[in-house]
Amino acid sequence: MRGNVYLLAFLLRAHGKGRTPGGMSVRLGGNSVPNVLRMGRLRKKLSRAETRPDGGNTHPRAGLLRIRGVSAISGPGGSRSVAVVGSGVAGLTAAHVLSAYDQVSLYEADARFGGHAHTQFVDAGQGAPTAVDTAFLVHNDRTYPTLCRLFDELGIATADTDMSMSVRDDSTGLEYAGARGVRGLFVSPAAASPRYLWMLAEIKRFHRHARRLLADPAADDNALSLGDFVRKLGFSQFFLGRFLTPLVAAVWSCPPGQAMAYPAQYLFRFLDHHGMLSVFGSPQWKTVTGGSRTYVDAVVRGLHEAFTDSPVTQIGRIPEGVVVTAAGHPPKVFDAAVIATHPDQALALLAQSTAAERAVLGAIGYVSNSAQLHTDESLLPRHPRARASWNYLCGGDAPGVVVTYDVTRLMRLPGPRRFLVTLGGEHLVDPGAVLAEMTYRHPVYTSQSVAAQRILPSLNDGRIAFAGAYHGWGFHEDGAASGLRAAQALGRDWAVGAAAKPEHRVGAR
């Protein structure tokens, strides 16, 4: 999950405060085949309408124009009409910034807005339902400036959180927790083994060599994979299996083998940016009071109109702007659009994609991960002192990535029940304890995707801008920052004292 930085906050520092960033994918269905003839007919309709005295059939709602089944919005006072496709943090940030100037129509394929800002409500024995976040969970003031600016503008309350992390290895009996002092590092007999003690020493050496690579002006982001880096420097297999592989695999929600293919310098830049290549210097991490849904709802309330259950099936460029076709809606002409979906979805939506769009968006892959919200504490470390906010399980019956987030600890929820989210390891969770099942998609980073990432800004053409966490490291701040840049690419920026918004409409289809 995108909030998995917690794992980093764990062992990249044996002591100190914790941290991280954060999950459901925006599904945009109906991947239409480009239809050049249809777009040509649409241009003719628009041309004929422009020659009519009334310009078309005026819709009862002010500012809405109907042209033979195609609607074109022109906002009051010279403001533009802008479609935002996808309501994850990237789309929400873009929509919020644009809405200070323009009439924004937000389209979401799912039954809810928010993407990885996914709040669910559970019975914690407190009478009223309790909000529980199951994907994006934490942020901090230092490395999430865009998201914090958004929260400030919306008046979103936050609270400090415990960002500790643990590892439980069922094949050796080893259990330990970082960011909980010496007592957290030595809680099991296996912690006295020479291999474990050597691993702790290797962490410091790893930090040193990673910083050295970052300081090398001749180093190339794509020249060295993480696997090449550790093999070249001779790190032990125990270090790889009980520290580094779990760390990277859990943070980016990818299989261990995939983790070793990540570009080393790109990964280390992220770790350094978050204060994780040293024992000290980590930021104070926070959660959203009442769940991340509070900021999602606040953004949506400020928009001209917003639709759930409305998968966009095609986006086409025409001289007059952009045509957006969504299930349950007539085709609509906008002055501009932000495509805030995953890159493969964005590419499938474009009626006439360019060679650059196909090359760049097609180079960035995603992986799907299953997750469960449950109350089964058997996936946590057995020793109470080894339990933490983020708990990684390996060995035994835990193949691949199995990470359990203690949401009760992270969000400081009331009541005796522990609400947990486990990524992977579905067969390990007691079915009777499962409260919800989710699927989340996360970007996969390779030398090819990192190279393509640098070219992403050049795809924005003044009418269509792209946004998504895949523009950065895949976390909530990356999505928010890309949404801001998309709005800027369309000529807008943060506004102070914006004018009152026009008519607001929220609906399904």
Protein backbone atom coordinates (compact mmCIF):
# COMPACT_ATOMS: atom_id res chain seq x y z
CA MET A 1 0.00 0.00 0.00
CA ARG A 2 1.07 3.45 -0.62
CA GLY A 3 1.24 4.02 3.04
CA ASN A 4 3.84 1.34 3.41
CA VAL A 5 6.61 3.72 4.10
CA TYR A 6 6.00 2.69 7.61
CA LEU A 7 8.16 -0.27 6.97
CA LEU A 8 10.96 2.06 6.01
CA ALA A 9 10.50 4.07 9.13
CA PHE A 10 11.09 0.89 10.87
CA LEU A 11 14.45 -0.58 10.22
CA LEU A 12 16.19 2.15 8.42
CA ARG A 13 16.29 3.44 11.94
CA ALA A 14 16.54 1.15 14.92
CA HIS A 15 15.37 3.93 17.21
CA GLY A 16 13.34 7.11 16.97
CA LYS A 17 9.97 8.16 15.71
CA GLY A 18 8.17 6.52 12.83
CA ARG A 19 6.51 7.59 9.56
CA THR A 20 4.90 6.77 5.99
CA PRO A 21 2.57 7.43 3.10
CA GLY A 22 -0.77 5.33 1.18
CA GLY A 23 -4.92 2.21 -1.67
CA MET A 24 -8.63 1.03 -4.06
CA SER A 25 -7.81 1.46 -7.66
CA VAL A 26 -9.92 3.74 -9.83
CA ARG A 27 -11.33 1.43 -12.44
CA LEU A 28 -12.21 3.09 -15.70
CA GLY A 29 -14.08 0.61 -17.80
CA GLY A 30 -15.03 0.43 -21.45
CA ASN A 31 -11.63 0.82 -23.03
CA SER A 32 -12.91 2.03 -26.37
CA VAL A 33 -11.10 1.56 -29.65
CA PRO A 34 -10.29 4.95 -31.22
CA ASN A 35 -13.08 5.94 -33.59
CA VAL A 36 -11.86 8.54 -36.05
CA LEU A 37 -15.12 8.62 -38.00
CA ARG A 38 -17.11 9.35 -34.87
CA MET A 39 -14.83 12.25 -33.97
CA GLY A 40 -15.14 13.60 -37.49
CA ARG A 41 -18.93 13.56 -37.29
CA LEU A 42 -18.72 15.31 -33.93
CA ARG A 43 -16.64 18.12 -35.41
CA LYS A 44 -19.25 18.58 -38.16
CA LYS A 45 -22.04 18.78 -35.57
CA LEU A 46 -20.15 21.42 -33.66
CA SER A 47 -19.45 23.35 -36.85
CA ARG A 48 -23.12 23.31 -37.88
CA ALA A 49 -24.18 24.41 -34.40
CA GLU A 50 -21.85 27.39 -34.54
CA THR A 51 -23.68 28.70 -37.64
CA ARG A 52 -27.09 28.60 -35.96
CA PRO A 53 -28.37 31.84 -34.39
CA ASP A 54 -28.87 30.25 -30.99
CA GLY A 55 -25.71 28.13 -31.15
CA GLY A 56 -27.71 25.00 -30.26
CA ASN A 57 -30.38 23.95 -27.79
CA THR A 58 -29.97 25.75 -24.48
CA HIS A 59 -30.16 23.45 -21.46
CA PRO A 60 -32.30 24.64 -18.53
CA ARG A 61 -29.22 24.80 -16.32
CA ALA A 62 -27.30 28.05 -16.85
CA GLY A 63 -24.14 27.72 -18.91
CA LEU A 64 -24.96 24.29 -20.37
CA LEU A 65 -25.31 23.92 -24.12
CA ARG A 66 -26.73 20.86 -25.90
CA ILE A 67 -25.66 20.15 -29.47
CA ARG A 68 -27.41 17.14 -30.99
CA GLY A 69 -26.63 14.84 -28.11
CA VAL A 70 -23.34 16.52 -27.27
CA SER A 71 -23.21 19.06 -24.46
CA ALA A 72 -20.68 21.85 -24.18
CA ILE A 73 -20.23 23.75 -20.95
CA SER A 74 -19.04 27.30 -20.86
CA GLY A 75 -18.63 28.68 -17.38
CA PRO A 76 -19.84 32.05 -16.16
CA GLY A 77 -17.54 35.03 -16.17
CA GLY A 78 -15.08 33.57 -18.65
CA SER A 79 -14.26 30.50 -16.55
CA ARG A 80 -13.58 27.30 -18.42
CA SER A 81 -15.22 23.91 -18.26
CA VAL A 82 -12.76 21.22 -17.14
CA ALA A 83 -13.31 17.49 -16.79
CA VAL A 84 -11.30 15.57 -14.21
CA VAL A 85 -11.30 11.82 -14.77
CA GLY A 86 -10.49 9.81 -11.67
CA SER A 87 -11.05 10.85 -8.05
CA GLY A 88 -7.92 9.60 -6.35
CA VAL A 89 -5.72 12.15 -4.61
CA ALA A 90 -4.29 13.33 -7.95
CA GLY A 91 -7.71 14.03 -9.45
CA LEU A 92 -9.03 15.55 -6.23
CA THR A 93 -6.07 17.93 -5.90
CA ALA A 94 -6.32 19.00 -9.54
CA ALA A 95 -10.08 19.46 -9.20
CA HIS A 96 -9.71 21.53 -6.03
CA VAL A 97 -7.12 23.87 -7.53
CA LEU A 98 -9.01 24.26 -10.81
CA SER A 99 -12.37 24.81 -9.09
CA ALA A 100 -11.23 28.18 -7.77
CA TYR A 101 -11.39 29.44 -11.36
CA ASP A 102 -13.28 26.93 -13.51
CA GLN A 103 -16.37 24.75 -13.55
CA VAL A 104 -15.05 21.28 -12.77
CA SER A 105 -16.88 18.05 -13.56
CA LEU A 106 -15.43 15.04 -11.73
CA TYR A 107 -15.97 11.52 -13.10
CA GLU A 108 -15.36 8.41 -10.99
CA ALA A 109 -15.88 4.82 -12.13
CA ASP A 110 -16.27 3.37 -8.64
CA ALA A 111 -19.25 3.72 -6.32
CA ARG A 112 -17.24 6.07 -4.09
CA PHE A 113 -14.83 8.96 -4.53
CA GLY A 114 -11.30 8.84 -3.17
CA GLY A 115 -9.25 6.08 -4.78
CA HIS A 116 -6.61 5.18 -2.20
CA ALA A 117 -8.23 7.52 0.32
CA HIS A 118 -10.50 4.67 1.41
CA THR A 119 -12.36 5.02 4.70
CA GLN A 120 -14.56 2.20 5.94
CA PHE A 121 -16.81 2.18 8.99
CA VAL A 122 -16.71 -0.55 11.61
CA ASP A 123 -18.36 -1.37 14.92
CA ALA A 124 -15.76 -0.70 17.59
CA GLY A 125 -18.27 -1.06 20.40
CA GLN A 126 -18.57 2.69 20.85
CA GLY A 127 -22.17 3.06 19.68
CA ALA A 128 -21.59 5.06 16.51
CA PRO A 129 -19.61 3.52 13.60
CA THR A 130 -15.85 4.13 13.74
CA ALA A 131 -13.94 5.37 10.68
CA VAL A 132 -11.06 3.12 9.61
CA ASP A 133 -8.68 3.90 6.74
CA THR A 134 -7.53 0.83 4.80
CA ALA A 135 -5.15 2.29 2.21
CA PHE A 136 -3.69 5.80 2.56
CA LEU A 137 -3.05 6.17 6.25
CA VAL A 138 -0.24 8.56 7.11
CA HIS A 139 1.55 11.70 6.03
CA ASN A 140 3.94 14.26 7.50
CA ASP A 141 4.50 18.01 7.28
CA ARG A 142 8.05 17.75 5.92
CA THR A 143 7.75 15.50 2.89
CA TYR A 144 4.05 15.99 2.05
CA PRO A 145 3.91 19.75 1.36
CA THR A 146 1.24 19.59 -1.36
CA LEU A 147 -1.05 17.31 0.61
CA CYS A 148 -0.62 19.43 3.73
CA ARG A 149 -1.47 22.58 1.75
CA LEU A 150 -4.62 20.84 0.53
CA PHE A 151 -5.53 19.79 4.06
CA ASP A 152 -4.94 23.33 5.34
CA GLU A 153 -7.18 24.85 2.68
CA LEU A 154 -9.92 22.34 3.48
CA GLY A 155 -9.57 22.64 7.26
CA ILE A 156 -8.75 18.94 7.75
CA ALA A 157 -7.76 17.90 11.28
CA THR A 158 -4.84 15.50 11.83
CA ALA A 159 -3.24 13.68 14.76
CA ASP A 160 0.26 12.38 15.52
CA THR A 161 0.73 8.64 15.12
CA ASP A 162 3.04 5.82 16.18
CA MET A 163 5.09 4.66 13.19
CA SER A 164 6.88 1.60 14.55
CA MET A 165 7.56 -1.48 12.43
CA SER A 166 8.20 -5.15 13.18
CA VAL A 167 9.44 -8.28 11.44
CA ARG A 168 8.37 -11.80 12.35
CA ASP A 169 10.26 -14.68 10.71
CA ASP A 170 8.49 -17.99 11.32
CA SER A 171 11.35 -19.99 9.79
CA THR A 172 13.81 -18.93 12.52
CA GLY A 173 11.57 -17.71 15.34
CA LEU A 174 13.04 -14.22 15.04
CA GLU A 175 10.81 -11.31 16.06
CA TYR A 176 11.89 -7.71 16.48
CA ALA A 177 10.52 -4.18 16.25
CA GLY A 178 12.24 -1.02 15.13
CA ALA A 179 11.63 2.46 16.55
CA ARG A 180 10.89 0.86 19.93
CA GLY A 181 14.35 0.95 21.45
CA VAL A 182 16.62 -1.92 22.46
CA ARG A 183 13.74 -3.80 24.11
CA GLY A 184 12.05 -3.99 20.73
CA LEU A 185 15.15 -5.30 18.97
CA PHE A 186 15.77 -8.17 21.40
CA VAL A 187 12.49 -9.88 22.23
CA SER A 188 13.17 -13.47 21.10
CA PRO A 189 15.99 -16.01 21.64
CA ALA A 190 16.76 -15.84 17.92
CA ALA A 191 17.85 -12.22 18.40
CA ALA A 192 21.03 -13.54 20.06
CA SER A 193 22.15 -15.30 16.88
CA PRO A 194 25.34 -14.02 15.19
CA ARG A 195 23.44 -13.64 11.90
CA TYR A 196 20.95 -11.24 13.42
CA LEU A 197 23.61 -9.21 15.22
CA TRP A 198 25.59 -8.97 11.98
CA MET A 199 22.42 -7.86 10.16
CA LEU A 200 22.03 -4.94 12.57
CA ALA A 201 25.59 -3.90 11.79
CA GLU A 202 24.95 -4.23 8.07
CA ILE A 203 22.11 -1.72 8.25
CA LYS A 204 24.55 1.05 9.10
CA ARG A 205 26.85 -0.04 6.25
CA PHE A 206 23.88 -0.05 3.90
CA HIS A 207 23.03 3.52 4.88
CA ARG A 208 26.61 4.64 4.28
CA HIS A 209 26.95 3.08 0.82
CA ALA A 210 23.50 4.27 -0.26
CA ARG A 211 24.37 7.86 0.64
CA ARG A 212 27.68 7.48 -1.18
CA LEU A 213 25.87 6.41 -4.36
CA LEU A 214 23.55 9.42 -4.11
CA ALA A 215 26.54 11.74 -3.74
CA ASP A 216 28.24 10.36 -6.86
CA PRO A 217 27.67 12.91 -9.67
CA ALA A 218 28.47 10.26 -12.28
CA ALA A 219 25.85 7.79 -11.02
CA ASP A 220 22.92 7.00 -13.31
CA ASP A 221 19.42 6.29 -12.00
CA ASN A 222 19.04 3.40 -14.43
CA ALA A 223 22.56 1.97 -14.35
CA LEU A 224 22.34 -0.14 -11.18
CA SER A 225 19.49 -2.22 -9.78
CA LEU A 226 19.04 -2.81 -6.07
CA GLY A 227 20.01 -6.44 -6.59
CA ASP A 228 23.22 -5.44 -8.37
CA PHE A 229 24.02 -2.97 -5.59
CA VAL A 230 23.77 -5.49 -2.74
CA ARG A 231 25.60 -8.22 -4.67
CA LYS A 232 28.43 -5.86 -5.54
CA LEU A 233 28.90 -4.89 -1.90
CA GLY A 234 28.50 -8.41 -0.53
CA PHE A 235 25.59 -7.98 1.88
CA SER A 236 24.54 -11.21 3.58
CA GLN A 237 21.54 -13.27 2.55
CA PHE A 238 20.17 -12.89 6.06
CA PHE A 239 20.27 -9.10 5.67
CA LEU A 240 18.47 -9.39 2.34
CA GLY A 241 15.80 -11.78 3.58
CA ARG A 242 15.07 -10.23 6.99
CA PHE A 243 15.60 -6.57 6.24
CA LEU A 244 16.10 -5.22 2.74
CA THR A 245 13.80 -7.38 0.63
CA PRO A 246 10.89 -7.13 3.09
CA LEU A 247 11.51 -3.40 3.36
CA VAL A 248 11.30 -2.61 -0.34
CA ALA A 249 8.69 -5.24 -1.17
CA ALA A 250 6.33 -4.02 1.54
CA VAL A 251 6.85 -0.32 0.91
CA TRP A 252 6.01 -0.60 -2.78
CA SER A 253 3.69 -3.61 -2.46
CA CYS A 254 5.62 -5.74 -4.92
CA PRO A 255 6.94 -9.32 -4.90
CA PRO A 256 10.44 -9.74 -3.43
CA GLY A 257 11.96 -10.63 -6.79
CA GLN A 258 10.55 -7.48 -8.30
CA ALA A 259 11.97 -5.43 -5.45
CA MET A 260 15.53 -6.41 -6.35
CA ALA A 261 14.99 -5.09 -9.89
CA TYR A 262 14.20 -1.56 -8.67
CA PRO A 263 16.73 1.11 -9.72
CA ALA A 264 19.00 1.53 -6.69
CA GLN A 265 19.64 5.27 -6.90
CA TYR A 266 15.94 6.02 -7.44
CA LEU A 267 15.06 3.99 -4.34
CA PHE A 268 17.80 5.55 -2.23
CA ARG A 269 16.71 9.05 -3.21
CA PHE A 270 13.28 8.24 -1.78
CA LEU A 271 14.76 6.85 1.43
CA ASP A 272 17.02 9.85 1.86
CA HIS A 273 14.16 12.26 1.14
CA HIS A 274 12.20 10.71 4.00
CA GLY A 275 15.12 10.71 6.45
CA MET A 276 15.53 6.94 6.25
CA LEU A 277 19.20 6.63 5.41
CA SER A 278 20.21 7.51 8.96
CA VAL A 279 19.24 6.48 12.47
CA PHE A 280 17.87 9.91 13.34
CA GLY A 281 16.03 12.66 11.47
CA SER A 282 12.67 11.09 10.68
CA PRO A 283 9.61 13.37 10.55
CA GLN A 284 6.57 13.11 12.80
CA TRP A 285 3.92 11.11 10.96
CA LYS A 286 0.22 11.87 11.21
CA THR A 287 -3.18 10.40 10.38
CA VAL A 288 -6.36 12.17 9.29
CA THR A 289 -8.82 12.60 12.15
CA GLY A 290 -12.08 10.89 11.25
CA GLY A 291 -10.49 9.14 8.27
CA SER A 292 -9.27 10.30 4.88
CA ARG A 293 -12.85 10.43 3.65
CA THR A 294 -13.13 13.82 5.38
CA TYR A 295 -10.82 15.48 2.86
CA VAL A 296 -12.40 13.63 -0.07
CA ASP A 297 -15.86 14.87 0.88
CA ALA A 298 -14.56 18.41 1.40
CA VAL A 299 -13.07 18.55 -2.11
CA VAL A 300 -16.16 17.12 -3.78
CA ARG A 301 -18.43 19.62 -2.03
CA GLY A 302 -16.52 22.45 -3.70
CA LEU A 303 -16.93 21.21 -7.27
CA HIS A 304 -19.48 22.19 -9.92
CA GLU A 305 -20.57 18.57 -10.35
CA ALA A 306 -19.23 15.13 -9.47
CA PHE A 307 -20.36 11.66 -10.51
CA THR A 308 -19.70 8.19 -9.12
CA ASP A 309 -20.49 4.95 -11.02
CA SER A 310 -19.56 6.84 -14.17
CA PRO A 311 -16.66 5.10 -15.94
CA VAL A 312 -15.26 7.25 -18.72
CA THR A 313 -15.00 5.22 -21.91
CA GLN A 314 -13.34 7.67 -24.28
CA ILE A 315 -11.58 11.03 -24.32
CA GLY A 316 -11.05 12.75 -27.65
CA ARG A 317 -9.29 15.92 -28.75
CA ILE A 318 -11.15 18.26 -31.09
CA PRO A 319 -10.38 21.84 -32.16
CA GLU A 320 -13.01 23.13 -29.74
CA GLY A 321 -11.52 21.32 -26.74
CA VAL A 322 -11.96 17.82 -25.37
CA VAL A 323 -14.87 15.39 -25.70
CA VAL A 324 -15.50 13.12 -22.72
CA THR A 325 -17.78 10.10 -23.05
CA ALA A 326 -18.83 8.33 -19.86
CA ALA A 327 -21.24 5.47 -19.21
CA GLY A 328 -24.69 6.82 -18.42
CA HIS A 329 -23.86 10.31 -19.70
CA PRO A 330 -24.09 11.92 -23.13
CA PRO A 331 -20.77 12.92 -24.73
CA LYS A 332 -19.74 16.31 -23.40
CA VAL A 333 -17.34 18.93 -24.73
CA PHE A 334 -14.97 20.58 -22.24
CA ASP A 335 -12.35 23.25 -22.66
CA ALA A 336 -9.77 20.99 -21.00
CA ALA A 337 -9.39 17.74 -19.08
CA VAL A 338 -7.18 16.15 -16.44
CA ILE A 339 -6.73 12.40 -16.77
CA ALA A 340 -5.96 11.26 -13.23
CA THR A 341 -6.03 7.50 -13.67
CA HIS A 342 -3.37 4.83 -13.81
CA PRO A 343 -1.25 5.15 -16.97
CA ASP A 344 -2.59 2.03 -18.68
CA GLN A 345 -6.14 3.25 -18.10
CA ALA A 346 -5.28 6.74 -19.37
CA LEU A 347 -3.83 5.32 -22.56
CA ALA A 348 -6.89 3.15 -23.16
CA LEU A 349 -9.20 6.16 -22.81
CA LEU A 350 -7.53 8.33 -25.44
CA ALA A 351 -9.39 8.17 -28.74
CA GLN A 352 -6.32 9.23 -30.68
CA SER A 353 -3.22 8.76 -28.56
CA THR A 354 0.08 10.15 -29.76
CA ALA A 355 3.23 8.11 -30.25
CA ALA A 356 4.75 9.81 -27.20
CA GLU A 357 1.73 8.96 -25.04
CA ARG A 358 1.88 5.33 -26.10
CA ALA A 359 5.61 5.10 -25.44
CA VAL A 360 5.61 6.87 -22.07
CA LEU A 361 2.34 5.72 -20.51
CA GLY A 362 2.88 2.21 -21.84
CA ALA A 363 6.24 1.93 -20.07
CA ILE A 364 4.85 2.31 -16.55
CA GLY A 365 3.40 -0.89 -15.16
CA TYR A 366 1.16 -1.59 -12.18
CA VAL A 367 0.64 -4.60 -9.93
CA SER A 368 -2.59 -5.59 -8.17
CA ASN A 369 -2.56 -6.56 -4.50
CA SER A 370 -5.34 -8.02 -2.41
CA ALA A 371 -5.97 -6.65 1.08
CA GLN A 372 -8.27 -7.59 3.93
CA LEU A 373 -9.68 -5.59 6.82
CA HIS A 374 -9.98 -7.99 9.75
CA THR A 375 -9.52 -8.60 13.48
CA ASP A 376 -7.30 -11.73 13.38
CA GLU A 377 -4.32 -10.96 15.64
CA SER A 378 -2.54 -14.23 14.79
CA LEU A 379 -0.68 -12.44 11.98
CA LEU A 380 1.00 -10.10 14.46
CA PRO A 381 4.24 -10.96 16.27
CA ARG A 382 3.66 -13.33 19.17
CA HIS A 383 5.66 -11.30 21.69
CA PRO A 384 3.84 -8.11 22.78
CA ARG A 385 7.05 -6.04 22.67
CA ALA A 386 7.58 -6.95 19.02
CA ARG A 387 4.16 -5.73 17.94
CA ALA A 388 4.13 -2.47 16.05
CA SER A 389 2.06 -0.32 13.70
CA TRP A 390 3.43 -2.17 10.67
CA ASN A 391 4.13 -5.88 10.97
CA TYR A 392 5.95 -7.86 8.30
CA LEU A 393 5.57 -11.67 8.28
CA CYS A 394 7.96 -13.97 6.43
CA GLY A 395 9.01 -17.62 6.46
CA GLY A 396 6.78 -20.59 7.22
CA ASP A 397 3.40 -20.29 5.49
CA ALA A 398 3.97 -16.68 4.43
CA PRO A 399 5.23 -16.65 0.84
CA GLY A 400 5.62 -13.31 -0.90
CA VAL A 401 4.64 -10.07 0.81
CA VAL A 402 2.52 -10.31 3.96
CA VAL A 403 2.25 -7.02 5.84
CA THR A 404 -0.31 -6.30 8.55
CA TYR A 405 -1.09 -2.71 9.51
CA ASP A 406 -2.45 -2.15 12.98
CA VAL A 407 -5.00 0.54 12.17
CA THR A 408 -6.16 0.68 15.78
CA ARG A 409 -2.66 1.71 16.84
CA LEU A 410 -2.10 4.04 13.89
CA MET A 411 -5.41 5.89 14.19
CA ARG A 412 -5.60 5.51 17.98
CA LEU A 413 -9.04 4.01 17.77
CA PRO A 414 -11.08 3.50 20.95
CA GLY A 415 -12.21 0.12 22.21
CA PRO A 416 -10.55 -3.27 22.86
CA ARG A 417 -10.75 -4.67 19.31
CA ARG A 418 -7.73 -4.40 17.03
CA PHE A 419 -8.64 -3.54 13.47
CA LEU A 420 -5.98 -4.77 11.08
CA VAL A 421 -5.32 -4.53 7.35
CA THR A 422 -3.27 -7.33 5.81
CA LEU A 423 -1.75 -7.04 2.37
CA GLY A 424 -1.17 -10.50 0.88
CA GLY A 425 -1.49 -13.77 2.78
CA GLU A 426 -5.25 -14.16 2.33
CA HIS A 427 -5.00 -17.84 3.31
CA LEU A 428 -3.52 -16.90 6.68
CA VAL A 429 -6.42 -14.73 7.87
CA ASP A 430 -9.30 -16.37 9.72
CA PRO A 431 -12.28 -16.03 7.32
CA GLY A 432 -14.57 -15.39 10.27
CA ALA A 433 -12.56 -12.31 11.23
CA VAL A 434 -12.65 -10.67 7.79
CA LEU A 435 -14.69 -7.45 7.66
CA ALA A 436 -13.91 -6.35 4.10
CA GLU A 437 -11.81 -7.35 1.11
CA MET A 438 -10.16 -4.86 -1.24
CA THR A 439 -7.90 -4.80 -4.28
CA TYR A 440 -5.30 -2.08 -4.62
CA ARG A 441 -2.99 -1.33 -7.53
CA HIS A 442 0.50 0.10 -7.16
CA PRO A 443 3.13 1.22 -9.69
CA VAL A 444 6.12 -0.98 -10.46
CA TYR A 445 9.46 0.77 -10.87
CA THR A 446 12.03 -0.41 -13.39
CA SER A 447 14.78 1.36 -15.28
CA GLN A 448 12.33 1.75 -18.18
CA SER A 449 9.54 3.22 -16.06
CA VAL A 450 11.90 5.65 -14.31
CA ALA A 451 13.17 6.85 -17.69
CA ALA A 452 9.58 7.26 -18.94
CA GLN A 453 8.65 9.15 -15.79
CA ARG A 454 11.01 11.98 -16.70
CA ILE A 455 9.14 12.52 -19.97
CA LEU A 456 5.66 12.65 -18.44
CA PRO A 457 5.46 16.48 -18.20
CA SER A 458 5.96 16.78 -21.96
CA LEU A 459 2.67 14.93 -22.59
CA ASN A 460 0.59 17.84 -21.26
CA ASP A 461 -0.61 19.86 -24.26
CA GLY A 462 -2.67 22.67 -22.74
CA ARG A 463 -5.95 20.82 -23.25
CA ILE A 464 -5.19 17.47 -21.63
CA ALA A 465 -2.95 17.06 -18.60
CA PHE A 466 -2.02 13.79 -16.90
CA ALA A 467 -1.80 13.16 -13.16
CA GLY A 468 -1.27 10.25 -10.82
CA ALA A 469 1.02 8.96 -8.09
CA TYR A 470 2.98 7.17 -10.83
CA HIS A 471 4.50 10.59 -11.64
CA GLY A 472 6.57 10.15 -8.46
CA TRP A 473 7.30 7.41 -5.93
CA GLY A 474 3.71 6.22 -5.87
CA PHE A 475 2.63 7.76 -2.57
CA HIS A 476 -0.14 10.16 -1.63
CA GLU A 477 2.08 13.23 -1.85
CA ASP A 478 3.21 12.17 -5.32
CA GLY A 479 -0.41 12.00 -6.43
CA ALA A 480 -1.26 15.36 -4.87
CA ALA A 481 1.82 17.04 -6.38
CA SER A 482 1.02 15.63 -9.83
CA GLY A 483 -2.54 16.94 -9.54
CA LEU A 484 -1.23 20.40 -8.73
CA ARG A 485 1.17 20.25 -11.70
CA ALA A 486 -1.69 19.16 -13.97
CA ALA A 487 -3.70 22.21 -12.91
CA GLN A 488 -0.64 24.39 -13.49
CA ALA A 489 -0.20 22.87 -16.95
CA LEU A 490 -3.74 24.10 -17.67
CA GLY A 491 -2.84 27.59 -16.46
CA ARG A 492 -4.13 27.47 -12.87
CA ASP A 493 -2.46 27.46 -9.46
CA TRP A 494 -3.34 27.66 -5.77
CA ALA A 495 -5.79 30.50 -5.22
CA VAL A 496 -6.23 32.74 -2.18
CA GLY A 497 -9.70 34.04 -1.40
CA ALA A 498 -11.31 32.40 -4.43
CA ALA A 499 -14.75 33.55 -5.55
CA ALA A 500 -17.85 31.56 -4.63
CA LYS A 501 -18.36 28.41 -6.68
CA PRO A 502 -21.25 28.08 -9.17
CA GLU A 503 -24.02 25.49 -8.84
CA HIS A 504 -22.86 22.22 -7.27
CA ARG A 505 -24.19 18.80 -8.24
CA VAL A 506 -23.19 15.35 -6.98
CA GLY A 507 -24.73 12.22 -8.38
CA ALA A 508 -24.32 8.79 -9.89
CA ARG A 509 -24.31 8.74 -13.65
